[in-house]
Amino acid sequence: MLDTLTFLLEKLFLLAHIKLSSLPPPLGGEPPLTRRCDREDSPPQPAGAPQKFQRGDLLEVPRTLFTHFGIYLGDNRVAHLIPDILPVLTSDTRQIQEMVTNTRLLLGVLSKRASIRVDSVEDFAYGAGIMLNAMDRAVRRSPLSGEEVARRAERLVGTVSYSLLWNNCEHFVTYCRYGTAQSLQTDKFCEWLKSLIRDQRNVLLTALLGLLSMACLGISSSTALPALLVPFTLWMAS
């Protein structure tokens, strides 16, 4: 039961974060600059621009569904936890080490397969602008020393289990940089979910949908139980 509930929550989290367009790498010219104004006042650095990153810095870029995070290791290398379906399909390390495309990432999310890997800054950014240490303002813990942050990231490189809610790239970087794993994106989703449950209009809507299903499909245990239990659960939780 708990596994089923977790699965449904993760898929709801996935749908809640879907954007209308993906961010493919640019074919030419300057890469797009994107930012989140509530997290940082300085503009992001283009992925192809000369970098001023220091070992242990936390890098942040937008990807297809959510913001992606990594730890800068020096020498143009970034350690990051990223979902990837390809290791399930092949053992060819050369193919696996190629840049993780959005398709590989999405299929990895759905299959809950991921790895903590080291890529170049350009492959990590995937054509997007990079924000530097923006999370320092949102997390209430002071960051560890840059060397300690980088060493933590390097020790964790390898295959890991993946969960949108409980073990994603944000958990990885916050553990490395602040000593405690957490995900601000997950926290925001949980707040959104609580506000959805507390909205009593949803109780009325689910009750009406339940009555409609019974009217169309007939009264049976498969239609009557959800029609009664779901609105009742939402009502008690609101």
C-alpha atoms as a PDB file:
ATOM      1  CA  MET A   1       0.000   0.000   0.000  1.00  0.00           C
ATOM      2  CA  LEU A   2       2.810   2.395   0.919  1.00  0.00           C
ATOM      3  CA  ASP A   3       4.682   1.571  -2.295  1.00  0.00           C
ATOM      4  CA  THR A   4       1.547   2.263  -4.335  1.00  0.00           C
ATOM      5  CA  LEU A   5       0.970   5.585  -2.578  1.00  0.00           C
ATOM      6  CA  THR A   6       4.594   6.604  -3.105  1.00  0.00           C
ATOM      7  CA  PHE A   7       4.359   5.676  -6.793  1.00  0.00           C
ATOM      8  CA  LEU A   8       1.213   7.799  -7.242  1.00  0.00           C
ATOM      9  CA  LEU A   9       2.761  10.751  -5.392  1.00  0.00           C
ATOM     10  CA  GLU A  10       5.866  10.605  -7.554  1.00  0.00           C
ATOM     11  CA  LYS A  11       3.850  10.585 -10.770  1.00  0.00           C
ATOM     12  CA  LEU A  12       1.755  13.497  -9.472  1.00  0.00           C
ATOM     13  CA  PHE A  13       4.978  15.334  -8.650  1.00  0.00           C
ATOM     14  CA  LEU A  14       6.192  14.648 -12.180  1.00  0.00           C
ATOM     15  CA  LEU A  15       3.003  16.043 -13.721  1.00  0.00           C
ATOM     16  CA  ALA A  16       3.060  19.086 -11.446  1.00  0.00           C
ATOM     17  CA  HIS A  17       6.516  20.053 -12.722  1.00  0.00           C
ATOM     18  CA  ILE A  18       6.049  19.462 -16.451  1.00  0.00           C
ATOM     19  CA  LYS A  19       6.858  22.528 -18.542  1.00  0.00           C
ATOM     20  CA  LEU A  20       5.441  23.231 -21.967  1.00  0.00           C
ATOM     21  CA  SER A  21       8.784  23.114 -23.707  1.00  0.00           C
ATOM     22  CA  SER A  22      12.059  21.312 -23.209  1.00  0.00           C
ATOM     23  CA  LEU A  23      15.531  22.795 -23.364  1.00  0.00           C
ATOM     24  CA  PRO A  24      17.521  21.123 -26.157  1.00  0.00           C
ATOM     25  CA  PRO A  25      21.137  22.171 -26.568  1.00  0.00           C
ATOM     26  CA  PRO A  26      21.495  25.134 -28.935  1.00  0.00           C
ATOM     27  CA  LEU A  27      22.655  24.462 -32.475  1.00  0.00           C
ATOM     28  CA  GLY A  28      24.554  27.709 -32.700  1.00  0.00           C
ATOM     29  CA  GLY A  29      24.989  31.124 -31.182  1.00  0.00           C
ATOM     30  CA  GLU A  30      24.652  32.002 -27.531  1.00  0.00           C
ATOM     31  CA  PRO A  31      22.894  29.530 -25.205  1.00  0.00           C
ATOM     32  CA  PRO A  32      19.644  30.708 -23.632  1.00  0.00           C
ATOM     33  CA  LEU A  33      19.867  32.502 -20.314  1.00  0.00           C
ATOM     34  CA  THR A  34      17.221  31.527 -17.811  1.00  0.00           C
ATOM     35  CA  ARG A  35      16.920  32.354 -14.148  1.00  0.00           C
ATOM     36  CA  ARG A  36      14.735  32.047 -11.096  1.00  0.00           C
ATOM     37  CA  CYS A  37      14.376  35.512  -9.649  1.00  0.00           C
ATOM     38  CA  ASP A  38      13.335  34.309  -6.206  1.00  0.00           C
ATOM     39  CA  ARG A  39      16.606  32.477  -5.686  1.00  0.00           C
ATOM     40  CA  GLU A  40      19.382  34.786  -6.856  1.00  0.00           C
ATOM     41  CA  ASP A  41      19.950  38.426  -7.817  1.00  0.00           C
ATOM     42  CA  SER A  42      22.927  37.888 -10.134  1.00  0.00           C
ATOM     43  CA  PRO A  43      22.347  36.653 -13.696  1.00  0.00           C
ATOM     44  CA  PRO A  44      23.261  33.069 -14.622  1.00  0.00           C
ATOM     45  CA  GLN A  45      26.496  32.379 -16.444  1.00  0.00           C
ATOM     46  CA  PRO A  46      26.222  31.028 -20.006  1.00  0.00           C
ATOM     47  CA  ALA A  47      27.351  27.427 -20.262  1.00  0.00           C
ATOM     48  CA  GLY A  48      29.935  28.254 -22.925  1.00  0.00           C
ATOM     49  CA  ALA A  49      31.378  31.347 -21.250  1.00  0.00           C
ATOM     50  CA  PRO A  50      34.696  31.370 -19.338  1.00  0.00           C
ATOM     51  CA  GLN A  51      33.911  29.871 -15.952  1.00  0.00           C
ATOM     52  CA  LYS A  52      34.782  31.292 -12.542  1.00  0.00           C
ATOM     53  CA  PHE A  53      33.645  28.307 -10.535  1.00  0.00           C
ATOM     54  CA  GLN A  54      35.560  27.049  -7.523  1.00  0.00           C
ATOM     55  CA  ARG A  55      35.859  23.486  -6.285  1.00  0.00           C
ATOM     56  CA  GLY A  56      32.791  22.669  -4.180  1.00  0.00           C
ATOM     57  CA  ASP A  57      30.484  25.258  -5.775  1.00  0.00           C
ATOM     58  CA  LEU A  58      26.829  24.308  -6.222  1.00  0.00           C
ATOM     59  CA  LEU A  59      25.677  24.724  -9.829  1.00  0.00           C
ATOM     60  CA  GLU A  60      22.038  24.998 -10.857  1.00  0.00           C
ATOM     61  CA  VAL A  61      20.450  24.760 -14.324  1.00  0.00           C
ATOM     62  CA  PRO A  62      16.875  24.354 -15.643  1.00  0.00           C
ATOM     63  CA  ARG A  63      16.063  21.046 -17.349  1.00  0.00           C
ATOM     64  CA  THR A  64      12.881  19.742 -18.976  1.00  0.00           C
ATOM     65  CA  LEU A  65      10.811  19.078 -15.862  1.00  0.00           C
ATOM     66  CA  PHE A  66      12.655  20.677 -12.987  1.00  0.00           C
ATOM     67  CA  THR A  67      15.805  22.468 -11.895  1.00  0.00           C
ATOM     68  CA  HIS A  68      18.937  20.311 -12.009  1.00  0.00           C
ATOM     69  CA  PHE A  69      21.840  20.593  -9.550  1.00  0.00           C
ATOM     70  CA  GLY A  70      25.486  19.559  -9.459  1.00  0.00           C
ATOM     71  CA  ILE A  71      28.735  20.037  -7.531  1.00  0.00           C
ATOM     72  CA  TYR A  72      31.733  21.561  -9.303  1.00  0.00           C
ATOM     73  CA  LEU A  73      34.869  19.430  -8.849  1.00  0.00           C
ATOM     74  CA  GLY A  74      37.369  21.588 -10.710  1.00  0.00           C
ATOM     75  CA  ASP A  75      38.979  21.179 -14.143  1.00  0.00           C
ATOM     76  CA  ASN A  76      35.624  21.790 -15.876  1.00  0.00           C
ATOM     77  CA  ARG A  77      34.033  18.722 -14.175  1.00  0.00           C
ATOM     78  CA  VAL A  78      30.666  18.500 -12.415  1.00  0.00           C
ATOM     79  CA  ALA A  79      29.339  15.654 -10.256  1.00  0.00           C
ATOM     80  CA  HIS A  80      25.567  15.308 -10.394  1.00  0.00           C
ATOM     81  CA  LEU A  81      22.838  12.763  -9.730  1.00  0.00           C
ATOM     82  CA  ILE A  82      20.796  12.293 -12.884  1.00  0.00           C
ATOM     83  CA  PRO A  83      18.114   9.772 -13.919  1.00  0.00           C
ATOM     84  CA  ASP A  84      19.218   7.675 -16.891  1.00  0.00           C
ATOM     85  CA  ILE A  85      17.601   4.681 -18.590  1.00  0.00           C
ATOM     86  CA  LEU A  86      20.613   3.759 -20.742  1.00  0.00           C
ATOM     87  CA  PRO A  87      22.523   1.647 -18.141  1.00  0.00           C
ATOM     88  CA  VAL A  88      19.464  -0.624 -18.035  1.00  0.00           C
ATOM     89  CA  LEU A  89      19.538  -1.102 -21.802  1.00  0.00           C
ATOM     90  CA  THR A  90      23.270  -1.497 -22.455  1.00  0.00           C
ATOM     91  CA  SER A  91      26.564  -2.206 -20.721  1.00  0.00           C
ATOM     92  CA  ASP A  92      28.525  -0.144 -23.244  1.00  0.00           C
ATOM     93  CA  THR A  93      30.329   2.347 -20.984  1.00  0.00           C
ATOM     94  CA  ARG A  94      31.200   4.551 -23.942  1.00  0.00           C
ATOM     95  CA  GLN A  95      27.523   5.041 -24.777  1.00  0.00           C
ATOM     96  CA  ILE A  96      26.577   5.534 -21.140  1.00  0.00           C
ATOM     97  CA  GLN A  97      29.204   8.264 -20.686  1.00  0.00           C
ATOM     98  CA  GLU A  98      27.738  10.334 -23.502  1.00  0.00           C
ATOM     99  CA  MET A  99      25.653  13.366 -22.516  1.00  0.00           C
ATOM    100  CA  VAL A 100      22.312  12.423 -20.939  1.00  0.00           C
ATOM    101  CA  THR A 101      19.570  13.689 -23.236  1.00  0.00           C
ATOM    102  CA  ASN A 102      16.107  14.710 -22.074  1.00  0.00           C
ATOM    103  CA  THR A 103      14.691  11.429 -23.408  1.00  0.00           C
ATOM    104  CA  ARG A 104      17.163   9.381 -21.377  1.00  0.00           C
ATOM    105  CA  LEU A 105      16.432  11.538 -18.338  1.00  0.00           C
ATOM    106  CA  LEU A 106      12.638  11.189 -18.559  1.00  0.00           C
ATOM    107  CA  LEU A 107      12.784   7.427 -19.059  1.00  0.00           C
ATOM    108  CA  GLY A 108      15.185   7.205 -16.122  1.00  0.00           C
ATOM    109  CA  VAL A 109      12.703   9.095 -13.930  1.00  0.00           C
ATOM    110  CA  LEU A 110       9.904   6.696 -14.859  1.00  0.00           C
ATOM    111  CA  SER A 111      12.087   3.616 -14.324  1.00  0.00           C
ATOM    112  CA  LYS A 112      13.651   5.063 -11.122  1.00  0.00           C
ATOM    113  CA  ARG A 113      17.178   4.472 -12.449  1.00  0.00           C
ATOM    114  CA  ALA A 114      19.944   7.006 -11.869  1.00  0.00           C
ATOM    115  CA  SER A 115      23.639   7.470 -11.304  1.00  0.00           C
ATOM    116  CA  ILE A 116      25.923  10.028  -9.735  1.00  0.00           C
ATOM    117  CA  ARG A 117      28.299  10.778 -12.584  1.00  0.00           C
ATOM    118  CA  VAL A 118      30.964  13.293 -13.569  1.00  0.00           C
ATOM    119  CA  ASP A 119      30.431  15.318 -16.743  1.00  0.00           C
ATOM    120  CA  SER A 120      31.879  18.435 -18.289  1.00  0.00           C
ATOM    121  CA  VAL A 121      30.257  21.747 -17.375  1.00  0.00           C
ATOM    122  CA  GLU A 122      28.868  21.996 -20.916  1.00  0.00           C
ATOM    123  CA  ASP A 123      27.226  18.562 -20.825  1.00  0.00           C
ATOM    124  CA  PHE A 124      25.851  19.219 -17.344  1.00  0.00           C
ATOM    125  CA  ALA A 125      24.328  22.567 -18.379  1.00  0.00           C
ATOM    126  CA  TYR A 126      22.773  21.109 -21.561  1.00  0.00           C
ATOM    127  CA  GLY A 127      22.761  24.537 -23.185  1.00  0.00           C
ATOM    128  CA  ALA A 128      21.158  26.428 -20.285  1.00  0.00           C
ATOM    129  CA  GLY A 129      22.522  29.252 -18.161  1.00  0.00           C
ATOM    130  CA  ILE A 130      24.212  28.225 -14.914  1.00  0.00           C
ATOM    131  CA  MET A 131      23.378  29.744 -11.546  1.00  0.00           C
ATOM    132  CA  LEU A 132      26.094  29.680  -8.889  1.00  0.00           C
ATOM    133  CA  ASN A 133      25.454  28.842  -5.212  1.00  0.00           C
ATOM    134  CA  ALA A 134      21.904  30.224  -5.467  1.00  0.00           C
ATOM    135  CA  MET A 135      20.646  27.761  -2.858  1.00  0.00           C
ATOM    136  CA  ASP A 136      22.864  29.271  -0.148  1.00  0.00           C
ATOM    137  CA  ARG A 137      20.175  31.900   0.453  1.00  0.00           C
ATOM    138  CA  ALA A 138      17.344  29.384   0.730  1.00  0.00           C
ATOM    139  CA  VAL A 139      18.984  26.789   2.998  1.00  0.00           C
ATOM    140  CA  ARG A 140      19.361  27.701   6.661  1.00  0.00           C
ATOM    141  CA  ARG A 141      22.647  25.840   7.085  1.00  0.00           C
ATOM    142  CA  SER A 142      26.067  27.271   6.364  1.00  0.00           C
ATOM    143  CA  PRO A 143      27.894  25.508   3.518  1.00  0.00           C
ATOM    144  CA  LEU A 144      30.823  23.237   4.286  1.00  0.00           C
ATOM    145  CA  SER A 145      34.280  24.033   2.952  1.00  0.00           C
ATOM    146  CA  GLY A 146      34.619  23.688  -0.804  1.00  0.00           C
ATOM    147  CA  GLU A 147      37.108  20.835  -0.504  1.00  0.00           C
ATOM    148  CA  GLU A 148      34.834  18.860   1.840  1.00  0.00           C
ATOM    149  CA  VAL A 149      31.864  19.419  -0.480  1.00  0.00           C
ATOM    150  CA  ALA A 150      33.800  18.139  -3.500  1.00  0.00           C
ATOM    151  CA  ARG A 151      35.168  15.125  -1.618  1.00  0.00           C
ATOM    152  CA  ARG A 152      31.675  14.117  -0.507  1.00  0.00           C
ATOM    153  CA  ALA A 153      30.475  14.303  -4.103  1.00  0.00           C
ATOM    154  CA  GLU A 154      33.419  12.267  -5.396  1.00  0.00           C
ATOM    155  CA  ARG A 155      32.859   9.518  -2.814  1.00  0.00           C
ATOM    156  CA  LEU A 156      29.249   9.076  -3.931  1.00  0.00           C
ATOM    157  CA  VAL A 157      29.923   8.647  -7.667  1.00  0.00           C
ATOM    158  CA  GLY A 158      28.234   5.499  -8.967  1.00  0.00           C
ATOM    159  CA  THR A 159      24.832   3.892  -9.526  1.00  0.00           C
ATOM    160  CA  VAL A 160      22.082   4.879  -7.075  1.00  0.00           C
ATOM    161  CA  SER A 161      18.352   4.399  -6.656  1.00  0.00           C
ATOM    162  CA  TYR A 162      16.215   7.345  -7.731  1.00  0.00           C
ATOM    163  CA  SER A 163      13.044   8.875  -6.387  1.00  0.00           C
ATOM    164  CA  LEU A 164      11.468  12.165  -7.394  1.00  0.00           C
ATOM    165  CA  LEU A 165      10.338  12.729  -3.828  1.00  0.00           C
ATOM    166  CA  TRP A 166      12.984  11.127  -1.635  1.00  0.00           C
ATOM    167  CA  ASN A 167      16.283  10.854  -3.526  1.00  0.00           C
ATOM    168  CA  ASN A 168      16.852  13.304  -6.361  1.00  0.00           C
ATOM    169  CA  CYS A 169      19.693  15.564  -7.519  1.00  0.00           C
ATOM    170  CA  GLU A 170      18.770  18.227  -4.966  1.00  0.00           C
ATOM    171  CA  HIS A 171      19.089  15.752  -2.094  1.00  0.00           C
ATOM    172  CA  PHE A 172      22.545  14.866  -3.415  1.00  0.00           C
ATOM    173  CA  VAL A 173      23.900  18.426  -3.598  1.00  0.00           C
ATOM    174  CA  THR A 174      22.393  19.561  -0.289  1.00  0.00           C
ATOM    175  CA  TYR A 175      23.966  16.583   1.465  1.00  0.00           C
ATOM    176  CA  CYS A 176      27.333  17.394  -0.092  1.00  0.00           C
ATOM    177  CA  ARG A 177      27.236  21.150   0.514  1.00  0.00           C
ATOM    178  CA  TYR A 178      25.257  21.507   3.755  1.00  0.00           C
ATOM    179  CA  GLY A 179      25.557  18.097   5.411  1.00  0.00           C
ATOM    180  CA  THR A 180      21.825  17.319   5.288  1.00  0.00           C
ATOM    181  CA  ALA A 181      19.859  15.977   2.328  1.00  0.00           C
ATOM    182  CA  GLN A 182      16.738  17.947   1.461  1.00  0.00           C
ATOM    183  CA  SER A 183      14.818  19.074  -1.612  1.00  0.00           C
ATOM    184  CA  LEU A 184      13.211  22.501  -1.783  1.00  0.00           C
ATOM    185  CA  GLN A 185      11.366  21.455  -4.942  1.00  0.00           C
ATOM    186  CA  THR A 186       9.833  18.507  -3.080  1.00  0.00           C
ATOM    187  CA  ASP A 187       8.904  20.796  -0.175  1.00  0.00           C
ATOM    188  CA  LYS A 188       7.109  23.145  -2.575  1.00  0.00           C
ATOM    189  CA  PHE A 189       5.262  20.222  -4.137  1.00  0.00           C
ATOM    190  CA  CYS A 190       4.129  18.972  -0.715  1.00  0.00           C
ATOM    191  CA  GLU A 191       2.847  22.446   0.141  1.00  0.00           C
ATOM    192  CA  TRP A 192       0.959  22.545  -3.170  1.00  0.00           C
ATOM    193  CA  LEU A 193      -0.501  19.099  -2.457  1.00  0.00           C
ATOM    194  CA  LYS A 194      -1.629  20.172   1.023  1.00  0.00           C
ATOM    195  CA  SER A 195      -3.304  23.291  -0.364  1.00  0.00           C
ATOM    196  CA  LEU A 196      -5.035  21.111  -2.965  1.00  0.00           C
ATOM    197  CA  ILE A 197      -6.369  18.777  -0.277  1.00  0.00           C
ATOM    198  CA  ARG A 198      -7.493  21.656   1.941  1.00  0.00           C
ATOM    199  CA  ASP A 199      -9.505  23.258  -0.859  1.00  0.00           C
ATOM    200  CA  GLN A 200     -13.043  22.048  -0.137  1.00  0.00           C
ATOM    201  CA  ARG A 201     -14.076  22.702  -3.727  1.00  0.00           C
ATOM    202  CA  ASN A 202     -12.088  19.587  -4.623  1.00  0.00           C
ATOM    203  CA  VAL A 203     -14.266  17.577  -2.236  1.00  0.00           C
ATOM    204  CA  LEU A 204     -17.391  18.685  -4.102  1.00  0.00           C
ATOM    205  CA  LEU A 205     -15.744  18.035  -7.471  1.00  0.00           C
ATOM    206  CA  THR A 206     -14.693  14.482  -6.576  1.00  0.00           C
ATOM    207  CA  ALA A 207     -18.158  13.776  -5.157  1.00  0.00           C
ATOM    208  CA  LEU A 208     -19.793  14.948  -8.394  1.00  0.00           C
ATOM    209  CA  LEU A 209     -17.372  12.877 -10.481  1.00  0.00           C
ATOM    210  CA  GLY A 210     -18.157   9.854  -8.315  1.00  0.00           C
ATOM    211  CA  LEU A 211     -21.891  10.292  -8.811  1.00  0.00           C
ATOM    212  CA  LEU A 212     -21.345  10.751 -12.538  1.00  0.00           C
ATOM    213  CA  SER A 213     -19.317   7.532 -12.749  1.00  0.00           C
ATOM    214  CA  MET A 214     -22.057   5.617 -10.925  1.00  0.00           C
ATOM    215  CA  ALA A 215     -24.683   7.092 -13.252  1.00  0.00           C
ATOM    216  CA  CYS A 216     -22.697   6.103 -16.353  1.00  0.00           C
ATOM    217  CA  LEU A 217     -21.234   2.777 -15.214  1.00  0.00           C
ATOM    218  CA  GLY A 218     -23.859   1.656 -12.748  1.00  0.00           C
ATOM    219  CA  ILE A 219     -23.662   1.125  -9.000  1.00  0.00           C
ATOM    220  CA  SER A 220     -21.066  -1.465  -8.022  1.00  0.00           C
ATOM    221  CA  SER A 221     -18.262  -1.812  -5.498  1.00  0.00           C
ATOM    222  CA  SER A 222     -15.744  -0.545  -8.073  1.00  0.00           C
ATOM    223  CA  THR A 223     -17.673   2.708  -8.557  1.00  0.00           C
ATOM    224  CA  ALA A 224     -19.435   3.233  -5.226  1.00  0.00           C
ATOM    225  CA  LEU A 225     -16.422   2.770  -2.939  1.00  0.00           C
ATOM    226  CA  PRO A 226     -14.174   5.363  -4.667  1.00  0.00           C
ATOM    227  CA  ALA A 227     -17.149   7.724  -4.995  1.00  0.00           C
ATOM    228  CA  LEU A 228     -17.634   7.611  -1.223  1.00  0.00           C
ATOM    229  CA  LEU A 229     -14.135   7.105   0.141  1.00  0.00           C
ATOM    230  CA  VAL A 230     -12.232   9.698  -1.911  1.00  0.00           C
ATOM    231  CA  PRO A 231     -14.509  12.683  -1.057  1.00  0.00           C
ATOM    232  CA  PHE A 232     -14.714  11.503   2.562  1.00  0.00           C
ATOM    233  CA  THR A 233     -10.911  11.294   2.832  1.00  0.00           C
ATOM    234  CA  LEU A 234     -10.467  14.749   1.298  1.00  0.00           C
ATOM    235  CA  TRP A 235     -13.145  16.161   3.597  1.00  0.00           C
ATOM    236  CA  MET A 236     -11.508  14.739   6.718  1.00  0.00           C
ATOM    237  CA  ALA A 237      -8.072  15.973   5.602  1.00  0.00           C
ATOM    238  CA  SER A 238      -9.277  19.483   4.761  1.00  0.00           C
END
